[in-house]
Amino acid sequence: DCLISLTFTKRAYCENPIVVFHIRTSEVTKRLPFDFLLVKRICQYIYGEDKHIHCEFVAPSYYITSESILMYDNVKSIKKLLRRVKKKVHWENFSREF
């Protein structure tokens, strides 16, 4: 199993490259310092040691990802859950600018 993933991007409005580093939440307490060192070494290998790199660290919890909602729908109907949410939240209070 691969425990980390790296996405390398270069955006038009940023002068420095961006590396997005994903890791499972369960691995944060076990091996995070070593994974940061690994990411640093990989970035140095790709971009060189003198290049400034913006690194974004993402460790999503299983229960707050979009995939977990889809998996929930396989077990129970999500329509029932959404009906309860609609009753509790007044959607007209939210701005349409979001």
N, C-alpha and C. Protein backbone atom coordinates (compact mmCIF):
# COMPACT_ATOMS: atom_id res chain seq x y z
N ASP A 1 0.82 -1.20 0.00
CA ASP A 1 0.00 0.00 0.00
C ASP A 1 0.87 1.26 0.00
N CYS A 2 0.45 2.21 -0.78
CA CYS A 2 1.10 3.51 -0.78
C CYS A 2 0.44 4.37 0.29
N LEU A 3 1.21 4.90 1.21
CA LEU A 3 0.65 5.65 2.32
C LEU A 3 0.60 7.15 2.08
N ILE A 4 1.27 7.62 1.04
CA ILE A 4 1.23 9.05 0.73
C ILE A 4 1.00 9.22 -0.77
N SER A 5 0.53 10.41 -1.12
CA SER A 5 0.46 10.77 -2.53
C SER A 5 0.92 12.21 -2.67
N LEU A 6 1.57 12.50 -3.78
CA LEU A 6 2.06 13.84 -4.06
C LEU A 6 1.51 14.29 -5.40
N THR A 7 1.04 15.53 -5.44
CA THR A 7 0.58 16.14 -6.68
C THR A 7 1.42 17.37 -6.92
N PHE A 8 2.09 17.42 -8.05
CA PHE A 8 2.97 18.53 -8.39
C PHE A 8 2.24 19.45 -9.36
N THR A 9 2.13 20.73 -9.00
CA THR A 9 1.44 21.69 -9.86
C THR A 9 2.26 22.97 -9.99
N LYS A 10 2.01 23.66 -11.08
CA LYS A 10 2.58 24.99 -11.31
C LYS A 10 1.44 25.88 -11.78
N ARG A 11 1.08 26.85 -10.97
CA ARG A 11 -0.04 27.73 -11.30
C ARG A 11 0.48 29.00 -11.95
N ALA A 12 -0.33 29.56 -12.81
CA ALA A 12 0.07 30.73 -13.59
C ALA A 12 0.35 31.95 -12.72
N TYR A 13 -0.39 32.13 -11.65
CA TYR A 13 -0.23 33.32 -10.81
C TYR A 13 0.78 33.13 -9.69
N CYS A 14 1.36 31.95 -9.55
CA CYS A 14 2.36 31.69 -8.50
C CYS A 14 3.72 31.47 -9.13
N GLU A 15 4.72 32.09 -8.56
CA GLU A 15 6.06 31.89 -9.11
C GLU A 15 6.70 30.61 -8.60
N ASN A 16 6.23 30.08 -7.47
CA ASN A 16 6.80 28.86 -6.91
C ASN A 16 5.89 27.67 -7.20
N PRO A 17 6.49 26.49 -7.43
CA PRO A 17 5.67 25.30 -7.64
C PRO A 17 4.96 24.89 -6.35
N ILE A 18 3.86 24.17 -6.52
CA ILE A 18 3.05 23.73 -5.38
C ILE A 18 3.04 22.21 -5.36
N VAL A 19 3.29 21.65 -4.19
CA VAL A 19 3.23 20.21 -4.00
C VAL A 19 2.15 19.94 -2.97
N VAL A 20 1.15 19.15 -3.36
CA VAL A 20 0.08 18.78 -2.44
C VAL A 20 0.39 17.38 -1.94
N PHE A 21 0.48 17.25 -0.62
CA PHE A 21 0.91 16.03 0.05
C PHE A 21 -0.27 15.46 0.82
N HIS A 22 -0.78 14.31 0.37
CA HIS A 22 -1.90 13.64 1.03
C HIS A 22 -1.38 12.45 1.84
N ILE A 23 -1.96 12.28 3.01
CA ILE A 23 -1.62 11.15 3.86
C ILE A 23 -2.87 10.72 4.61
N ARG A 24 -2.94 9.47 4.93
CA ARG A 24 -4.06 8.99 5.73
C ARG A 24 -3.94 9.54 7.15
N THR A 25 -5.06 9.85 7.75
CA THR A 25 -5.05 10.41 9.10
C THR A 25 -4.45 9.43 10.10
N SER A 26 -4.66 8.16 9.89
CA SER A 26 -4.14 7.15 10.82
C SER A 26 -2.62 7.11 10.83
N GLU A 27 -1.98 7.62 9.79
CA GLU A 27 -0.53 7.58 9.71
C GLU A 27 0.16 8.79 10.31
N VAL A 28 -0.61 9.79 10.71
CA VAL A 28 -0.01 11.03 11.22
C VAL A 28 0.80 10.78 12.48
N THR A 29 0.28 9.98 13.38
CA THR A 29 0.98 9.74 14.65
C THR A 29 2.12 8.74 14.50
N LYS A 30 2.16 7.99 13.43
CA LYS A 30 3.15 6.94 13.29
C LYS A 30 4.40 7.36 12.55
N ARG A 31 4.22 8.05 11.41
CA ARG A 31 5.36 8.24 10.54
C ARG A 31 5.43 9.61 9.90
N LEU A 32 4.73 10.59 10.43
CA LEU A 32 4.66 11.91 9.80
C LEU A 32 6.03 12.58 9.61
N PRO A 33 6.92 12.59 10.61
CA PRO A 33 8.23 13.25 10.38
C PRO A 33 9.02 12.61 9.23
N PHE A 34 8.94 11.29 9.12
CA PHE A 34 9.66 10.61 8.05
C PHE A 34 9.04 10.91 6.69
N ASP A 35 7.71 11.02 6.64
CA ASP A 35 7.05 11.36 5.38
C ASP A 35 7.37 12.78 4.95
N PHE A 36 7.45 13.72 5.90
CA PHE A 36 7.85 15.09 5.55
C PHE A 36 9.27 15.11 4.99
N LEU A 37 10.15 14.35 5.59
CA LEU A 37 11.52 14.27 5.09
C LEU A 37 11.56 13.65 3.69
N LEU A 38 10.75 12.62 3.47
CA LEU A 38 10.68 11.99 2.16
C LEU A 38 10.17 12.98 1.11
N VAL A 39 9.12 13.74 1.44
CA VAL A 39 8.57 14.73 0.52
C VAL A 39 9.62 15.80 0.22
N LYS A 40 10.34 16.23 1.24
CA LYS A 40 11.39 17.23 1.03
C LYS A 40 12.46 16.72 0.07
N ARG A 41 12.88 15.49 0.25
CA ARG A 41 13.92 14.91 -0.61
C ARG A 41 13.42 14.73 -2.04
N ILE A 42 12.17 14.32 -2.20
CA ILE A 42 11.61 14.17 -3.54
C ILE A 42 11.53 15.52 -4.25
N CYS A 43 11.09 16.54 -3.52
CA CYS A 43 11.01 17.89 -4.11
C CYS A 43 12.39 18.42 -4.47
N GLN A 44 13.38 18.16 -3.63
CA GLN A 44 14.74 18.59 -3.95
C GLN A 44 15.27 17.87 -5.18
N TYR A 45 14.92 16.61 -5.34
CA TYR A 45 15.35 15.84 -6.50
C TYR A 45 14.72 16.39 -7.78
N ILE A 46 13.43 16.75 -7.70
CA ILE A 46 12.72 17.22 -8.89
C ILE A 46 13.07 18.67 -9.23
N TYR A 47 13.03 19.56 -8.23
CA TYR A 47 13.18 21.00 -8.49
C TYR A 47 14.56 21.55 -8.18
N GLY A 48 15.40 20.79 -7.50
CA GLY A 48 16.71 21.28 -7.09
C GLY A 48 16.66 21.81 -5.67
N GLU A 49 17.82 21.94 -5.06
CA GLU A 49 17.89 22.30 -3.65
C GLU A 49 17.67 23.79 -3.39
N ASP A 50 17.82 24.64 -4.39
CA ASP A 50 17.71 26.08 -4.19
C ASP A 50 16.33 26.64 -4.49
N LYS A 51 15.42 25.83 -4.98
CA LYS A 51 14.09 26.30 -5.38
C LYS A 51 13.14 26.31 -4.17
N HIS A 52 12.43 27.43 -3.99
CA HIS A 52 11.41 27.53 -2.94
C HIS A 52 10.15 26.83 -3.43
N ILE A 53 9.59 25.93 -2.61
CA ILE A 53 8.43 25.13 -2.98
C ILE A 53 7.35 25.32 -1.92
N HIS A 54 6.14 25.53 -2.40
CA HIS A 54 4.98 25.63 -1.49
C HIS A 54 4.40 24.23 -1.34
N CYS A 55 4.36 23.73 -0.10
CA CYS A 55 3.86 22.38 0.16
C CYS A 55 2.56 22.48 0.95
N GLU A 56 1.50 21.88 0.42
CA GLU A 56 0.21 21.83 1.10
C GLU A 56 0.02 20.44 1.67
N PHE A 57 -0.22 20.37 2.95
CA PHE A 57 -0.38 19.10 3.65
C PHE A 57 -1.86 18.83 3.87
N VAL A 58 -2.33 17.64 3.45
CA VAL A 58 -3.73 17.27 3.59
C VAL A 58 -3.80 15.90 4.27
N ALA A 59 -4.50 15.84 5.39
CA ALA A 59 -4.74 14.57 6.09
C ALA A 59 -6.22 14.50 6.44
N PRO A 60 -7.06 14.16 5.46
CA PRO A 60 -8.50 14.18 5.71
C PRO A 60 -8.94 13.04 6.61
N SER A 61 -9.91 13.31 7.41
CA SER A 61 -10.53 12.27 8.22
C SER A 61 -11.47 11.47 7.32
N TYR A 62 -11.60 10.23 7.58
CA TYR A 62 -12.43 9.36 6.74
C TYR A 62 -13.87 9.84 6.70
N TYR A 63 -14.35 10.37 7.79
CA TYR A 63 -15.77 10.71 7.88
C TYR A 63 -16.13 12.05 7.26
N ILE A 64 -15.15 12.84 6.83
CA ILE A 64 -15.49 14.13 6.25
C ILE A 64 -15.16 14.23 4.76
N THR A 65 -14.79 13.13 4.16
CA THR A 65 -14.49 13.15 2.73
C THR A 65 -15.76 12.89 1.92
N SER A 66 -15.75 13.30 0.67
CA SER A 66 -16.92 13.10 -0.18
C SER A 66 -17.16 11.62 -0.47
N GLU A 67 -16.11 10.83 -0.48
CA GLU A 67 -16.27 9.41 -0.73
C GLU A 67 -17.05 8.72 0.38
N SER A 68 -16.91 9.22 1.61
CA SER A 68 -17.64 8.59 2.72
C SER A 68 -19.15 8.77 2.58
N ILE A 69 -19.58 9.90 2.00
CA ILE A 69 -21.01 10.10 1.75
C ILE A 69 -21.52 9.08 0.74
N LEU A 70 -20.75 8.81 -0.29
CA LEU A 70 -21.14 7.82 -1.27
C LEU A 70 -21.19 6.42 -0.67
N MET A 71 -20.25 6.12 0.21
CA MET A 71 -20.26 4.82 0.87
C MET A 71 -21.44 4.71 1.84
N TYR A 72 -21.79 5.80 2.47
CA TYR A 72 -22.96 5.81 3.35
C TYR A 72 -24.22 5.50 2.56
N ASP A 73 -24.31 6.03 1.35
CA ASP A 73 -25.48 5.82 0.51
C ASP A 73 -25.63 4.35 0.12
N ASN A 74 -24.56 3.61 0.08
CA ASN A 74 -24.64 2.19 -0.20
C ASN A 74 -25.29 1.41 0.94
N VAL A 75 -25.19 1.92 2.16
CA VAL A 75 -25.73 1.23 3.33
C VAL A 75 -27.13 1.74 3.66
N LYS A 76 -27.28 3.05 3.72
CA LYS A 76 -28.56 3.67 4.03
C LYS A 76 -28.84 4.75 2.99
N SER A 77 -30.11 5.01 2.80
CA SER A 77 -30.49 6.02 1.81
C SER A 77 -30.08 7.41 2.28
N ILE A 78 -29.38 8.11 1.44
CA ILE A 78 -28.94 9.45 1.80
C ILE A 78 -30.09 10.45 1.73
N LYS A 79 -31.14 10.10 1.00
CA LYS A 79 -32.29 10.99 0.89
C LYS A 79 -32.94 11.22 2.25
N LYS A 80 -32.99 10.20 3.09
CA LYS A 80 -33.55 10.36 4.44
C LYS A 80 -32.67 11.30 5.27
N LEU A 81 -31.39 11.16 5.13
CA LEU A 81 -30.47 12.04 5.85
C LEU A 81 -30.63 13.49 5.39
N LEU A 82 -30.76 13.70 4.09
CA LEU A 82 -30.90 15.05 3.58
C LEU A 82 -32.22 15.69 3.97
N ARG A 83 -33.27 14.89 4.10
CA ARG A 83 -34.54 15.46 4.57
C ARG A 83 -34.39 16.03 5.97
N ARG A 84 -33.65 15.33 6.83
CA ARG A 84 -33.43 15.84 8.19
C ARG A 84 -32.59 17.11 8.16
N VAL A 85 -31.62 17.19 7.27
CA VAL A 85 -30.77 18.38 7.18
C VAL A 85 -31.59 19.57 6.70
N LYS A 86 -32.47 19.35 5.73
CA LYS A 86 -33.30 20.43 5.21
C LYS A 86 -34.22 21.01 6.28
N LYS A 87 -34.66 20.17 7.20
CA LYS A 87 -35.53 20.65 8.27
C LYS A 87 -34.76 21.50 9.27
N LYS A 88 -33.51 21.17 9.52
CA LYS A 88 -32.72 21.86 10.54
C LYS A 88 -32.06 23.13 10.02
N VAL A 89 -31.71 23.16 8.75
CA VAL A 89 -30.97 24.29 8.18
C VAL A 89 -31.90 25.12 7.31
N HIS A 90 -31.89 26.41 7.52
CA HIS A 90 -32.67 27.31 6.69
C HIS A 90 -31.78 27.79 5.55
N TRP A 91 -31.91 27.17 4.40
CA TRP A 91 -31.01 27.43 3.28
C TRP A 91 -31.16 28.84 2.73
N GLU A 92 -32.30 29.46 2.93
CA GLU A 92 -32.47 30.80 2.39
C GLU A 92 -31.62 31.83 3.12
N ASN A 93 -31.09 31.48 4.29
CA ASN A 93 -30.22 32.40 5.05
C ASN A 93 -28.81 32.47 4.46
N PHE A 94 -28.46 31.53 3.62
CA PHE A 94 -27.13 31.49 3.03
C PHE A 94 -27.09 32.35 1.78
N SER A 95 -25.97 33.03 1.61
CA SER A 95 -25.80 33.87 0.42
C SER A 95 -25.53 33.00 -0.79
N ARG A 96 -25.95 33.44 -1.94
CA ARG A 96 -25.71 32.70 -3.18
C ARG A 96 -24.30 32.94 -3.72
N GLU A 97 -23.52 33.79 -3.05
CA GLU A 97 -22.19 34.12 -3.54
C GLU A 97 -21.17 33.05 -3.20
N PHE A 98 -21.50 32.08 -2.37
CA PHE A 98 -20.54 31.04 -2.01
C PHE A 98 -20.26 30.24 -3.18
